[in-house]
C-alpha atoms as a PDB file:
ATOM      1  CA  MET A   1      -9.296  23.348 -14.859  1.00  0.00           C
ATOM      2  CA  ASN A   2      -9.279  24.970 -11.839  1.00  0.00           C
ATOM      3  CA  PHE A   3     -12.347  22.725 -10.985  1.00  0.00           C
ATOM      4  CA  SER A   4     -10.663  19.739 -12.438  1.00  0.00           C
ATOM      5  CA  LEU A   5      -7.312  20.577  -9.963  1.00  0.00           C
ATOM      6  CA  LYS A   6      -9.926  21.174  -7.088  1.00  0.00           C
ATOM      7  CA  MET A   7     -11.522  17.686  -7.483  1.00  0.00           C
ATOM      8  CA  SER A   8      -8.167  15.661  -8.390  1.00  0.00           C
ATOM      9  CA  SER A   9      -6.981  17.316  -5.195  1.00  0.00           C
ATOM     10  CA  LYS A  10      -9.895  16.080  -3.257  1.00  0.00           C
ATOM     11  CA  ILE A  11      -9.805  12.337  -4.891  1.00  0.00           C
ATOM     12  CA  VAL A  12      -6.267  11.912  -4.263  1.00  0.00           C
ATOM     13  CA  GLY A  13      -6.848  13.201  -0.339  1.00  0.00           C
ATOM     14  CA  VAL A  14      -9.828  11.385  -0.022  1.00  0.00           C
ATOM     15  CA  LEU A  15      -7.882   7.837  -1.318  1.00  0.00           C
ATOM     16  CA  PHE A  16      -4.728   8.040   0.745  1.00  0.00           C
ATOM     17  CA  ILE A  17      -7.536   8.078   3.841  1.00  0.00           C
ATOM     18  CA  VAL A  18      -9.091   5.301   2.497  1.00  0.00           C
ATOM     19  CA  ALA A  19      -6.081   3.123   1.895  1.00  0.00           C
ATOM     20  CA  ALA A  20      -4.563   3.922   5.504  1.00  0.00           C
ATOM     21  CA  VAL A  21      -7.623   2.772   6.724  1.00  0.00           C
ATOM     22  CA  ALA A  22      -8.755   0.056   4.893  1.00  0.00           C
ATOM     23  CA  SER A  23      -5.135  -1.670   5.175  1.00  0.00           C
ATOM     24  CA  VAL A  24      -5.205  -1.459   8.652  1.00  0.00           C
ATOM     25  CA  ILE A  25      -8.390  -2.868   9.052  1.00  0.00           C
ATOM     26  CA  GLY A  26      -7.776  -5.779   6.408  1.00  0.00           C
ATOM     27  CA  LEU A  27      -4.786  -6.812   8.641  1.00  0.00           C
ATOM     28  CA  LEU A  28      -6.834  -7.111  11.534  1.00  0.00           C
ATOM     29  CA  LEU A  29      -9.596  -8.429  10.287  1.00  0.00           C
ATOM     30  CA  TYR A  30      -6.449 -11.658   8.934  1.00  0.00           C
ATOM     31  CA  ASP A  31      -5.220 -12.481  12.372  1.00  0.00           C
ATOM     32  CA  PRO A  32      -7.266 -15.287  12.945  1.00  0.00           C
ATOM     33  CA  ILE A  33      -6.092 -17.050   9.827  1.00  0.00           C
ATOM     34  CA  LEU A  34      -2.270 -15.727   9.584  1.00  0.00           C
ATOM     35  CA  ASN A  35      -1.057 -15.693  13.495  1.00  0.00           C
ATOM     36  CA  GLY A  36      -3.048 -18.015  14.821  1.00  0.00           C
ATOM     37  CA  ALA A  37      -1.481 -21.142  15.960  1.00  0.00           C
ATOM     38  CA  ASP A  38      -4.387 -23.489  15.115  1.00  0.00           C
ATOM     39  CA  TYR A  39      -5.145 -21.437  11.974  1.00  0.00           C
ATOM     40  CA  LEU A  40      -5.741 -24.806  10.140  1.00  0.00           C
ATOM     41  CA  ILE A  41      -8.318 -26.274  12.436  1.00  0.00           C
ATOM     42  CA  ARG A  42     -10.273 -22.552  13.600  1.00  0.00           C
ATOM     43  CA  GLY A  43      -9.402 -20.839  10.700  1.00  0.00           C
ATOM     44  CA  SER A  44     -12.365 -21.787   8.764  1.00  0.00           C
ATOM     45  CA  GLU A  45     -14.742 -20.706  11.852  1.00  0.00           C
ATOM     46  CA  HIS A  46     -13.628 -16.727  11.087  1.00  0.00           C
ATOM     47  CA  ALA A  47     -14.391 -17.116   7.765  1.00  0.00           C
ATOM     48  CA  ASN A  48     -16.948 -14.127   7.116  1.00  0.00           C
ATOM     49  CA  LYS A  49     -13.934 -12.213   9.226  1.00  0.00           C
ATOM     50  CA  VAL A  50     -11.196 -13.026   7.153  1.00  0.00           C
ATOM     51  CA  LYS A  51     -13.330 -12.630   3.893  1.00  0.00           C
ATOM     52  CA  LEU A  52     -14.240  -8.966   5.103  1.00  0.00           C
ATOM     53  CA  GLY A  53     -10.667  -8.955   5.476  1.00  0.00           C
ATOM     54  CA  ALA A  54     -10.124  -9.446   1.864  1.00  0.00           C
ATOM     55  CA  ILE A  55     -13.027  -6.628   1.054  1.00  0.00           C
ATOM     56  CA  PHE A  56     -10.880  -4.352   3.208  1.00  0.00           C
ATOM     57  CA  GLU A  57      -7.406  -5.265   1.136  1.00  0.00           C
ATOM     58  CA  LEU A  58      -9.204  -4.970  -2.073  1.00  0.00           C
ATOM     59  CA  ILE A  59     -10.376  -1.784  -1.299  1.00  0.00           C
ATOM     60  CA  THR A  60      -7.103  -1.011  -0.711  1.00  0.00           C
ATOM     61  CA  VAL A  61      -5.919  -2.278  -4.600  1.00  0.00           C
ATOM     62  CA  VAL A  62      -8.597   0.172  -5.809  1.00  0.00           C
ATOM     63  CA  THR A  63      -6.933   3.484  -3.979  1.00  0.00           C
ATOM     64  CA  VAL A  64      -3.894   2.175  -5.199  1.00  0.00           C
ATOM     65  CA  ILE A  65      -4.565   2.508  -8.536  1.00  0.00           C
ATOM     66  CA  GLY A  66      -6.823   5.170  -8.457  1.00  0.00           C
ATOM     67  CA  THR A  67      -4.315   7.317  -6.582  1.00  0.00           C
ATOM     68  CA  ALA A  68      -1.871   6.363  -9.700  1.00  0.00           C
ATOM     69  CA  THR A  69      -3.986   7.524 -12.053  1.00  0.00           C
ATOM     70  CA  THR A  70      -5.249  10.701 -10.702  1.00  0.00           C
ATOM     71  CA  MET A  71      -1.739  11.840 -10.248  1.00  0.00           C
ATOM     72  CA  PHE A  72      -0.682  10.684 -13.304  1.00  0.00           C
ATOM     73  CA  PRO A  73      -1.793  13.853 -15.256  1.00  0.00           C
ATOM     74  CA  ILE A  74      -0.445  16.150 -12.561  1.00  0.00           C
ATOM     75  CA  LEU A  75       2.891  14.608 -12.103  1.00  0.00           C
ATOM     76  CA  ARG A  76       4.075  14.438 -15.872  1.00  0.00           C
ATOM     77  CA  LYS A  77       3.734  18.095 -16.418  1.00  0.00           C
ATOM     78  CA  TYR A  78       6.481  18.513 -13.964  1.00  0.00           C
ATOM     79  CA  ASN A  79       8.605  15.345 -15.102  1.00  0.00           C
ATOM     80  CA  GLU A  80       6.913  12.566 -17.461  1.00  0.00           C
ATOM     81  CA  THR A  81       9.375   9.827 -16.939  1.00  0.00           C
ATOM     82  CA  ILE A  82       9.196  10.291 -13.401  1.00  0.00           C
ATOM     83  CA  ALA A  83       5.218  10.227 -13.753  1.00  0.00           C
ATOM     84  CA  LEU A  84       5.418   7.201 -15.638  1.00  0.00           C
ATOM     85  CA  TRP A  85       7.498   5.070 -13.687  1.00  0.00           C
ATOM     86  CA  HIS A  86       5.738   6.156 -10.853  1.00  0.00           C
ATOM     87  CA  LEU A  87       2.178   4.918 -12.476  1.00  0.00           C
ATOM     88  CA  CYS A  88       3.525   1.511 -13.439  1.00  0.00           C
ATOM     89  CA  PHE A  89       5.511   0.930  -9.669  1.00  0.00           C
ATOM     90  CA  ARG A  90       1.965   1.922  -8.327  1.00  0.00           C
ATOM     91  CA  PHE A  91       0.677  -1.008 -10.730  1.00  0.00           C
ATOM     92  CA  LEU A  92       3.431  -3.697  -9.317  1.00  0.00           C
ATOM     93  CA  GLU A  93       2.302  -2.621  -5.948  1.00  0.00           C
ATOM     94  CA  ALA A  94      -1.773  -3.123  -6.415  1.00  0.00           C
ATOM     95  CA  ILE A  95      -0.818  -6.561  -8.015  1.00  0.00           C
ATOM     96  CA  ALA A  96       1.563  -7.659  -5.208  1.00  0.00           C
ATOM     97  CA  ILE A  97      -1.314  -6.864  -2.561  1.00  0.00           C
ATOM     98  CA  THR A  98      -4.056  -8.587  -4.884  1.00  0.00           C
ATOM     99  CA  VAL A  99      -1.650 -12.014  -4.915  1.00  0.00           C
ATOM    100  CA  GLY A 100      -1.482 -11.531  -1.044  1.00  0.00           C
ATOM    101  CA  ILE A 101      -5.336 -11.242  -0.832  1.00  0.00           C
ATOM    102  CA  ILE A 102      -5.417 -14.587  -3.213  1.00  0.00           C
ATOM    103  CA  SER A 103      -2.876 -16.265  -0.876  1.00  0.00           C
ATOM    104  CA  VAL A 104      -4.934 -15.520   2.418  1.00  0.00           C
ATOM    105  CA  LEU A 105      -8.137 -16.912   0.771  1.00  0.00           C
ATOM    106  CA  SER A 106      -6.588 -19.843  -0.692  1.00  0.00           C
ATOM    107  CA  LEU A 107      -5.427 -20.659   3.082  1.00  0.00           C
ATOM    108  CA  LEU A 108      -9.194 -20.243   4.389  1.00  0.00           C
ATOM    109  CA  THR A 109      -9.873 -22.706   1.878  1.00  0.00           C
ATOM    110  CA  LEU A 110      -7.216 -24.615   2.899  1.00  0.00           C
ATOM    111  CA  SER A 111      -8.506 -24.844   6.859  1.00  0.00           C
ATOM    112  CA  GLN A 112     -12.177 -25.371   5.384  1.00  0.00           C
ATOM    113  CA  GLU A 113     -10.429 -28.604   3.579  1.00  0.00           C
ATOM    114  CA  PHE A 114      -8.921 -29.764   7.075  1.00  0.00           C
ATOM    115  CA  GLY A 115     -12.105 -29.482   8.724  1.00  0.00           C
ATOM    116  CA  SER A 116     -13.849 -31.705   6.303  1.00  0.00           C
ATOM    117  CA  ALA A 117     -10.929 -33.904   5.400  1.00  0.00           C
ATOM    118  CA  GLY A 118     -10.589 -34.908   9.371  1.00  0.00           C
ATOM    119  CA  ALA A 119      -6.852 -34.256   9.307  1.00  0.00           C
ATOM    120  CA  LEU A 120      -6.298 -37.326   7.513  1.00  0.00           C
ATOM    121  CA  ASP A 121      -3.009 -35.950   6.584  1.00  0.00           C
ATOM    122  CA  PRO A 122      -2.024 -33.050   9.017  1.00  0.00           C
ATOM    123  CA  ALA A 123       1.725 -32.903   7.295  1.00  0.00           C
ATOM    124  CA  SER A 124       0.481 -32.097   4.194  1.00  0.00           C
ATOM    125  CA  PHE A 125      -1.756 -29.169   5.038  1.00  0.00           C
ATOM    126  CA  GLN A 126       0.695 -27.648   7.730  1.00  0.00           C
ATOM    127  CA  ALA A 127       3.353 -27.814   4.643  1.00  0.00           C
ATOM    128  CA  SER A 128       0.344 -26.084   2.112  1.00  0.00           C
ATOM    129  CA  GLY A 129      -0.580 -23.575   5.274  1.00  0.00           C
ATOM    130  CA  THR A 130       3.510 -22.938   5.918  1.00  0.00           C
ATOM    131  CA  LEU A 131       3.439 -21.812   1.516  1.00  0.00           C
ATOM    132  CA  LEU A 132       0.563 -19.787   1.413  1.00  0.00           C
ATOM    133  CA  LYS A 133       1.177 -17.911   4.535  1.00  0.00           C
ATOM    134  CA  ALA A 134       4.800 -16.998   3.325  1.00  0.00           C
ATOM    135  CA  VAL A 135       3.142 -15.754  -0.053  1.00  0.00           C
ATOM    136  CA  HIS A 136       1.488 -13.362   1.776  1.00  0.00           C
ATOM    137  CA  ASP A 137       4.256 -11.797   3.942  1.00  0.00           C
ATOM    138  CA  TRP A 138       6.301 -11.798   0.553  1.00  0.00           C
ATOM    139  CA  THR A 139       3.903  -9.796  -0.943  1.00  0.00           C
ATOM    140  CA  ALA A 140       3.345  -7.686   2.185  1.00  0.00           C
ATOM    141  CA  TRP A 141       7.247  -7.080   1.891  1.00  0.00           C
ATOM    142  CA  LEU A 142       7.031  -6.374  -1.570  1.00  0.00           C
ATOM    143  CA  GLY A 143       4.384  -3.750  -1.904  1.00  0.00           C
ATOM    144  CA  PRO A 144       3.672  -1.947   0.926  1.00  0.00           C
ATOM    145  CA  SER A 145       7.381  -1.574   1.440  1.00  0.00           C
ATOM    146  CA  PHE A 146       9.662  -2.501  -0.927  1.00  0.00           C
ATOM    147  CA  LEU A 147       7.298  -0.652  -3.791  1.00  0.00           C
ATOM    148  CA  LEU A 148       5.865   1.363  -1.733  1.00  0.00           C
ATOM    149  CA  GLY A 149       9.597   3.098  -0.566  1.00  0.00           C
ATOM    150  CA  ILE A 150      10.442   3.346  -4.333  1.00  0.00           C
ATOM    151  CA  ASN A 151       6.528   4.874  -5.218  1.00  0.00           C
ATOM    152  CA  THR A 152       6.408   7.863  -2.438  1.00  0.00           C
ATOM    153  CA  MET A 153      10.441   8.852  -3.084  1.00  0.00           C
ATOM    154  CA  MET A 154       9.187   9.160  -6.804  1.00  0.00           C
ATOM    155  CA  TYR A 155       5.922  12.018  -6.035  1.00  0.00           C
ATOM    156  CA  SER A 156       7.619  13.239  -3.369  1.00  0.00           C
ATOM    157  CA  TYR A 157      10.631  14.271  -5.175  1.00  0.00           C
ATOM    158  CA  ILE A 158       8.497  16.258  -8.023  1.00  0.00           C
ATOM    159  CA  PHE A 159       6.065  17.587  -5.034  1.00  0.00           C
ATOM    160  CA  TYR A 160       9.445  18.769  -4.365  1.00  0.00           C
ATOM    161  CA  LYS A 161      10.943  20.336  -7.421  1.00  0.00           C
ATOM    162  CA  SER A 162       7.524  21.356  -8.535  1.00  0.00           C
ATOM    163  CA  LYS A 163       6.318  22.829  -5.328  1.00  0.00           C
ATOM    164  CA  LEU A 164       2.722  21.494  -6.189  1.00  0.00           C
ATOM    165  CA  VAL A 165       2.232  21.331  -2.041  1.00  0.00           C
ATOM    166  CA  HIS A 166       4.063  22.709   1.129  1.00  0.00           C
ATOM    167  CA  ARG A 167       7.772  21.598   1.115  1.00  0.00           C
ATOM    168  CA  PHE A 168       7.582  19.952   4.453  1.00  0.00           C
ATOM    169  CA  ILE A 169       5.467  17.092   3.257  1.00  0.00           C
ATOM    170  CA  PRO A 170       7.827  15.803   0.461  1.00  0.00           C
ATOM    171  CA  ILE A 171      10.743  16.228   2.348  1.00  0.00           C
ATOM    172  CA  LEU A 172       9.141  13.917   5.017  1.00  0.00           C
ATOM    173  CA  GLY A 173       7.856  12.041   2.120  1.00  0.00           C
ATOM    174  CA  MET A 174      11.650  11.121   1.116  1.00  0.00           C
ATOM    175  CA  THR A 175      12.304  10.541   4.599  1.00  0.00           C
ATOM    176  CA  GLY A 176       9.728   8.076   4.841  1.00  0.00           C
ATOM    177  CA  ALA A 177      10.755   6.157   1.767  1.00  0.00           C
ATOM    178  CA  THR A 178      13.967   5.819   2.717  1.00  0.00           C
ATOM    179  CA  LEU A 179      13.009   4.124   5.962  1.00  0.00           C
ATOM    180  CA  ILE A 180      10.383   2.111   4.462  1.00  0.00           C
ATOM    181  CA  PHE A 181      12.603   1.308   1.529  1.00  0.00           C
ATOM    182  CA  LEU A 182      15.771   0.367   4.472  1.00  0.00           C
ATOM    183  CA  GLN A 183      12.967  -1.294   6.207  1.00  0.00           C
ATOM    184  CA  ALA A 184      12.572  -3.558   3.317  1.00  0.00           C
ATOM    185  CA  LEU A 185      15.959  -4.557   2.796  1.00  0.00           C
ATOM    186  CA  LEU A 186      16.250  -5.405   6.825  1.00  0.00           C
ATOM    187  CA  VAL A 187      13.394  -7.383   6.714  1.00  0.00           C
ATOM    188  CA  MET A 188      14.724  -9.614   3.334  1.00  0.00           C
ATOM    189  CA  PHE A 189      18.094 -10.441   5.105  1.00  0.00           C
ATOM    190  CA  GLY A 190      16.503 -11.183   8.240  1.00  0.00           C
ATOM    191  CA  VAL A 191      17.674  -8.320  10.015  1.00  0.00           C
ATOM    192  CA  ILE A 192      14.242  -7.559  11.765  1.00  0.00           C
ATOM    193  CA  GLU A 193      10.700  -8.564  11.146  1.00  0.00           C
ATOM    194  CA  GLN A 194       8.615  -6.390   9.273  1.00  0.00           C
ATOM    195  CA  PHE A 195       5.418  -6.807  11.601  1.00  0.00           C
ATOM    196  CA  SER A 196       7.675  -5.779  14.888  1.00  0.00           C
ATOM    197  CA  GLY A 197       8.194  -2.521  16.775  1.00  0.00           C
ATOM    198  CA  TRP A 198      11.445  -1.576  14.694  1.00  0.00           C
ATOM    199  CA  GLY A 199       8.972  -2.358  11.663  1.00  0.00           C
ATOM    200  CA  ALA A 200       6.363  -0.309  12.633  1.00  0.00           C
ATOM    201  CA  LEU A 201       8.888   2.596  13.869  1.00  0.00           C
ATOM    202  CA  THR A 202      10.524   2.437  10.158  1.00  0.00           C
ATOM    203  CA  ALA A 203       7.060   2.777   8.431  1.00  0.00           C
ATOM    204  CA  LEU A 204       5.837   5.398  10.775  1.00  0.00           C
ATOM    205  CA  PRO A 205       7.099   8.512   8.788  1.00  0.00           C
ATOM    206  CA  VAL A 206       5.556   7.455   5.569  1.00  0.00           C
ATOM    207  CA  ALA A 207       2.282   6.859   7.098  1.00  0.00           C
ATOM    208  CA  ALA A 208       2.537  10.239   8.476  1.00  0.00           C
ATOM    209  CA  ASN A 209       3.490  11.690   4.621  1.00  0.00           C
ATOM    210  CA  GLU A 210       0.189  10.268   3.489  1.00  0.00           C
ATOM    211  CA  ILE A 211      -1.871  11.644   5.977  1.00  0.00           C
ATOM    212  CA  THR A 212      -0.466  15.109   6.043  1.00  0.00           C
ATOM    213  CA  LEU A 213      -0.644  14.783   1.958  1.00  0.00           C
ATOM    214  CA  ALA A 214      -4.190  13.777   2.145  1.00  0.00           C
ATOM    215  CA  VAL A 215      -5.580  16.294   4.810  1.00  0.00           C
ATOM    216  CA  TYR A 216      -3.305  19.006   3.108  1.00  0.00           C
ATOM    217  CA  LEU A 217      -5.295  18.095  -0.447  1.00  0.00           C
ATOM    218  CA  LEU A 218      -8.688  17.493   0.787  1.00  0.00           C
ATOM    219  CA  VAL A 219      -8.230  21.522   2.702  1.00  0.00           C
ATOM    220  CA  LYS A 220      -6.033  23.388   0.294  1.00  0.00           C
ATOM    221  CA  GLY A 221      -5.275  21.100  -2.526  1.00  0.00           C
ATOM    222  CA  PHE A 222      -2.380  21.720  -5.401  1.00  0.00           C
ATOM    223  CA  ASN A 223      -0.655  25.146  -6.003  1.00  0.00           C
ATOM    224  CA  LYS A 224      -2.532  26.395  -8.965  1.00  0.00           C
ATOM    225  CA  SER A 225       0.165  29.146  -9.435  1.00  0.00           C
ATOM    226  CA  ALA A 226       2.666  26.002  -9.376  1.00  0.00           C
ATOM    227  CA  LEU A 227       0.874  23.963 -11.816  1.00  0.00           C
ATOM    228  CA  ALA A 228       0.368  26.795 -14.185  1.00  0.00           C
ATOM    229  CA  SER A 229       3.613  27.368 -14.363  1.00  0.00           C
ATOM    230  CA  LEU A 230       4.608  24.065 -15.094  1.00  0.00           C
ATOM    231  CA  SER A 231       1.845  23.764 -17.927  1.00  0.00           C
ATOM    232  CA  ALA A 232       3.642  27.418 -19.720  1.00  0.00           C
ATOM    233  CA  MET A 233       7.445  25.281 -19.449  1.00  0.00           C
ATOM    234  CA  GLY A 234       5.693  22.488 -21.056  1.00  0.00           C
ATOM    235  CA  SER A 235       3.933  24.543 -23.795  1.00  0.00           C
ATOM    236  CA  LEU A 236       7.319  26.070 -24.568  1.00  0.00           C
END
């Protein structure tokens, strides 16, 4: 039991760190195809870079599913309903990221086709490119902002009530969840841009929460006495 709990703590900690690193690297590698003004012309020149970015994004998908499934048996001991919601919304987050990956790879294919077609119909290529960029932007809004806020709030609430980790961490998590959810709404209605100074500022607390939680779980792990108390309550 203790070995299993210790392993679960370390797995969740490692997955949160890998997710943070992989998502940032993936976004940086996407830069030529997503942010270049001449992405239709030069995007295909960076094909391997973009594909590598997609691989890092797929790693992020694996970590999202991994944290959800590893945390579920622990979270359910306090509140099975919220634990199940968290599991389902985490999977939705993974699906959103996956759709974003497909849109970027499709944009890369469009750039390659544009080069081979000799720009015979640039207007249609430009329209398709704009659409695929929009799909990526909206999936980036849905997964790493809107759904992330909901997911973080759910597991942070359980951590706070159950005392499975130090109280400071879920407080930071609930604060970060509120801010990232607010950011998602502001982006949706065009008040701020997601990839902007304000966007980064509102995303900072939830990122700090994930790194803090990851380090705490790797060093100390889940509170065994709190989990034993939850297990005892469940057996009554």
